[in-house]
């Protein structure tokens, strides 16, 4: 008779989701959560909360559902409305794991890919050729800067920088100027 409602979010918007859920569900008995993240040195960071449920009966099963699907940089929160019947430890574990699993299976997935910024500076006369290459190569592009020259920030996999520089050199007759910048992670649909 209890209701379990799963919500998923990218880890970056997790705190906002938690605050929103308490506003959206003020009569809920528990809002349990877990998250899993991959930090910059490549280490996994995990955390969970039972939010008043018996220890390890709520947050841990949600975390196990996330881990079992190999997902990182995501958070799952499960809202529980108490239905009047105590489920016991085993029942809670199964219910929270099941709700989290259904949510995770239904959610669209993205593969987080590390990309390096390759800033390409060209004259205006070369813009059409470079934009065509960017479109055909399906490169991620940042905010283009238009001054006395055009600067296009492109985001490419680190291993592909030399290949893209060579291709851009071909379509600009060697007139493009490059500068490599920082990295970022971008979600690519799976």
Protein backbone atom coordinates (compact mmCIF):
# COMPACT_ATOMS: atom_id res chain seq x y z
CA UNK A 1 0.00 0.00 0.00
CA UNK A 2 3.02 2.31 0.17
CA UNK A 3 3.87 4.34 -2.93
CA UNK A 4 7.45 4.61 -4.18
CA UNK A 5 8.20 7.25 -6.83
CA UNK A 6 11.67 7.42 -8.40
CA UNK A 7 13.30 10.59 -9.73
CA UNK A 8 16.59 10.76 -11.58
CA UNK A 9 18.90 13.67 -12.25
CA UNK A 10 22.40 14.40 -13.47
CA UNK A 11 24.58 14.87 -10.42
CA UNK A 12 25.05 18.57 -11.20
CA UNK A 13 21.35 19.26 -10.56
CA UNK A 14 20.90 16.86 -7.63
CA UNK A 15 20.68 19.46 -4.83
CA UNK A 16 18.00 21.38 -6.73
CA UNK A 17 16.06 18.12 -7.25
CA UNK A 18 16.14 17.29 -3.52
CA UNK A 19 14.80 20.71 -2.58
CA UNK A 20 12.12 20.49 -5.28
CA UNK A 21 10.98 17.05 -4.13
CA UNK A 22 10.31 18.19 -0.56
CA UNK A 23 8.24 21.08 -1.94
CA UNK A 24 6.44 18.82 -4.41
CA UNK A 25 5.80 16.03 -1.88
CA UNK A 26 5.32 17.69 1.53
CA UNK A 27 3.33 14.73 2.87
CA UNK A 28 5.89 12.10 1.88
CA UNK A 29 7.24 10.03 4.75
CA UNK A 30 10.75 9.64 3.29
CA UNK A 31 12.79 10.96 0.38
CA UNK A 32 15.71 8.61 0.07
CA UNK A 33 18.60 9.17 -2.32
CA UNK A 34 21.90 7.90 -3.65
CA UNK A 35 24.43 9.13 -6.14
CA UNK A 36 27.54 7.94 -7.87
CA UNK A 37 30.14 10.18 -9.52
CA UNK A 38 33.43 9.88 -11.33
CA UNK A 39 35.74 12.68 -10.18
CA UNK A 40 38.59 14.21 -12.19
CA UNK A 41 41.37 11.84 -11.05
CA UNK A 42 39.11 8.98 -12.17
CA UNK A 43 37.93 7.86 -8.74
CA UNK A 44 34.36 6.84 -7.97
CA UNK A 45 32.59 8.86 -5.27
CA UNK A 46 29.36 7.44 -3.82
CA UNK A 47 26.93 8.55 -1.16
CA UNK A 48 23.42 7.67 -0.02
CA UNK A 49 20.85 8.54 2.62
CA UNK A 50 18.20 6.36 4.26
CA UNK A 51 16.30 9.48 5.44
CA UNK A 52 15.00 7.83 8.58
CA UNK A 53 14.38 4.36 7.17
CA UNK A 54 16.22 1.54 8.99
CA UNK A 55 19.95 1.58 8.25
CA UNK A 56 20.95 0.25 4.80
CA UNK A 57 17.35 -0.53 3.74
CA UNK A 58 16.82 2.41 1.39
CA UNK A 59 19.86 4.39 0.21
CA UNK A 60 22.09 1.33 -0.20
CA UNK A 61 19.65 -0.57 -2.47
CA UNK A 62 19.29 2.55 -4.63
CA UNK A 63 23.07 2.87 -4.83
CA UNK A 64 23.32 -0.82 -5.74
CA UNK A 65 20.83 -0.27 -8.58
CA UNK A 66 22.97 2.60 -9.91
CA UNK A 67 26.18 0.57 -9.60
CA UNK A 68 24.60 -2.53 -11.16
CA UNK A 69 23.88 -0.58 -14.32
CA UNK A 70 27.38 0.93 -14.46
CA UNK A 71 26.06 4.49 -14.21
CA UNK A 72 28.06 7.43 -12.88
CA UNK A 73 27.44 11.16 -12.50
CA UNK A 74 23.80 10.53 -11.68
CA UNK A 75 21.55 10.69 -8.67
CA UNK A 76 18.35 8.81 -7.86
CA UNK A 77 15.83 9.92 -5.26
CA UNK A 78 12.86 7.80 -4.25
CA UNK A 79 9.85 9.38 -2.57
CA UNK A 80 7.92 7.10 -0.22
CA UNK A 81 4.36 7.61 0.89
CA UNK A 82 3.66 5.26 3.79
CA UNK A 83 0.70 2.99 3.16
CA UNK A 84 0.05 1.86 6.72
CA UNK A 85 1.80 -1.52 6.57
CA UNK A 86 5.38 -1.99 7.72
CA UNK A 87 7.40 -3.79 5.05
CA UNK A 88 10.30 -5.00 7.15
CA UNK A 89 13.95 -4.70 6.14
CA UNK A 90 13.71 -7.14 3.23
CA UNK A 91 10.56 -5.53 1.86
CA UNK A 92 12.07 -2.04 2.04
CA UNK A 93 15.25 -3.17 0.29
CA UNK A 94 13.25 -4.80 -2.52
CA UNK A 95 10.86 -1.86 -2.88
CA UNK A 96 13.55 0.84 -3.04
CA UNK A 97 15.77 -1.22 -5.37
CA UNK A 98 12.80 -1.95 -7.64
CA UNK A 99 11.66 1.70 -7.82
CA UNK A 100 15.22 2.88 -8.53
CA UNK A 101 15.74 0.15 -11.14
CA UNK A 102 12.52 1.01 -12.99
CA UNK A 103 13.51 4.68 -13.09
CA UNK A 104 17.05 3.95 -14.25
CA UNK A 105 15.89 1.55 -16.96
CA UNK A 106 13.37 4.08 -18.31
CA UNK A 107 15.71 7.08 -18.31
CA UNK A 108 17.65 8.12 -21.42
CA UNK A 109 21.39 7.57 -21.00
CA UNK A 110 24.34 9.64 -22.13
CA UNK A 111 27.99 8.68 -22.31
CA UNK A 112 30.14 11.37 -20.71
CA UNK A 113 33.00 12.02 -23.11
CA UNK A 114 36.06 14.11 -22.29
CA UNK A 115 36.65 16.75 -24.93
CA UNK A 116 39.47 19.27 -25.36
CA UNK A 117 38.84 22.77 -26.62
CA UNK A 118 40.54 23.49 -29.92
CA UNK A 119 40.18 27.18 -30.71
CA UNK A 120 40.35 27.85 -34.46
CA UNK A 121 40.98 31.41 -35.66
CA UNK A 122 40.36 32.24 -39.34
CA UNK A 123 39.56 35.12 -41.66
CA UNK A 124 35.91 35.70 -42.56
CA UNK A 125 36.41 34.35 -46.08
CA UNK A 126 37.15 30.87 -44.68
CA UNK A 127 34.17 30.73 -42.33
CA UNK A 128 31.80 28.85 -44.66
CA UNK A 129 34.36 26.10 -45.34
CA UNK A 130 35.19 25.67 -41.67
CA UNK A 131 31.52 25.62 -40.60
CA UNK A 132 30.83 22.98 -43.25
CA UNK A 133 33.67 20.85 -41.90
CA UNK A 134 32.45 21.29 -38.31
CA UNK A 135 28.92 20.25 -39.34
CA UNK A 136 30.09 17.27 -41.43
CA UNK A 137 32.47 16.07 -38.69
CA UNK A 138 29.67 16.55 -36.10
CA UNK A 139 31.95 18.48 -33.77
CA UNK A 140 30.70 20.21 -30.63
CA UNK A 141 31.06 23.97 -31.01
CA UNK A 142 31.18 26.73 -28.41
CA UNK A 143 30.25 30.41 -28.76
CA UNK A 144 31.86 31.84 -31.92
CA UNK A 145 33.67 35.17 -31.52
CA UNK A 146 33.42 37.69 -34.37
CA UNK A 147 36.04 40.46 -34.24
CA UNK A 148 38.50 41.37 -36.99
CA UNK A 149 38.84 37.58 -37.34
CA UNK A 150 36.54 34.68 -36.48
CA UNK A 151 37.36 32.37 -33.55
CA UNK A 152 35.47 29.09 -33.26
CA UNK A 153 35.94 27.09 -30.07
CA UNK A 154 35.58 23.43 -31.01
CA UNK A 155 35.45 20.54 -28.56
CA UNK A 156 37.12 17.38 -29.81
CA UNK A 157 38.31 14.12 -28.26
CA UNK A 158 41.96 14.58 -27.19
CA UNK A 159 43.11 11.72 -29.42
CA UNK A 160 41.52 13.35 -32.50
CA UNK A 161 43.10 16.81 -32.25
CA UNK A 162 45.89 16.13 -34.78
CA UNK A 163 43.40 14.68 -37.29
CA UNK A 164 41.06 17.68 -37.01
CA UNK A 165 43.94 20.15 -37.25
CA UNK A 166 45.10 18.46 -40.46
CA UNK A 167 41.59 18.46 -41.95
CA UNK A 168 41.04 22.11 -41.03
CA UNK A 169 44.44 22.99 -42.50
CA UNK A 170 43.29 21.37 -45.76
CA UNK A 171 40.03 23.32 -45.94
CA UNK A 172 41.68 26.65 -45.00
CA UNK A 173 44.82 26.24 -47.15
CA UNK A 174 46.89 26.26 -43.97
CA UNK A 175 45.60 29.67 -42.85
CA UNK A 176 43.90 28.58 -39.61
CA UNK A 177 45.56 29.36 -36.30
CA UNK A 178 44.98 26.89 -33.46
CA UNK A 179 45.11 27.09 -29.71
CA UNK A 180 44.35 24.18 -27.39
CA UNK A 181 42.46 24.99 -24.20
CA UNK A 182 40.89 23.24 -21.26
CA UNK A 183 38.79 20.11 -21.19
CA UNK A 184 35.16 19.46 -20.39
CA UNK A 185 32.86 16.49 -20.25
CA UNK A 186 29.94 16.39 -22.68
CA UNK A 187 27.03 13.96 -22.63
CA UNK A 188 26.66 12.03 -25.88
CA UNK A 189 23.38 10.04 -26.18
CA UNK A 190 23.97 6.27 -26.01
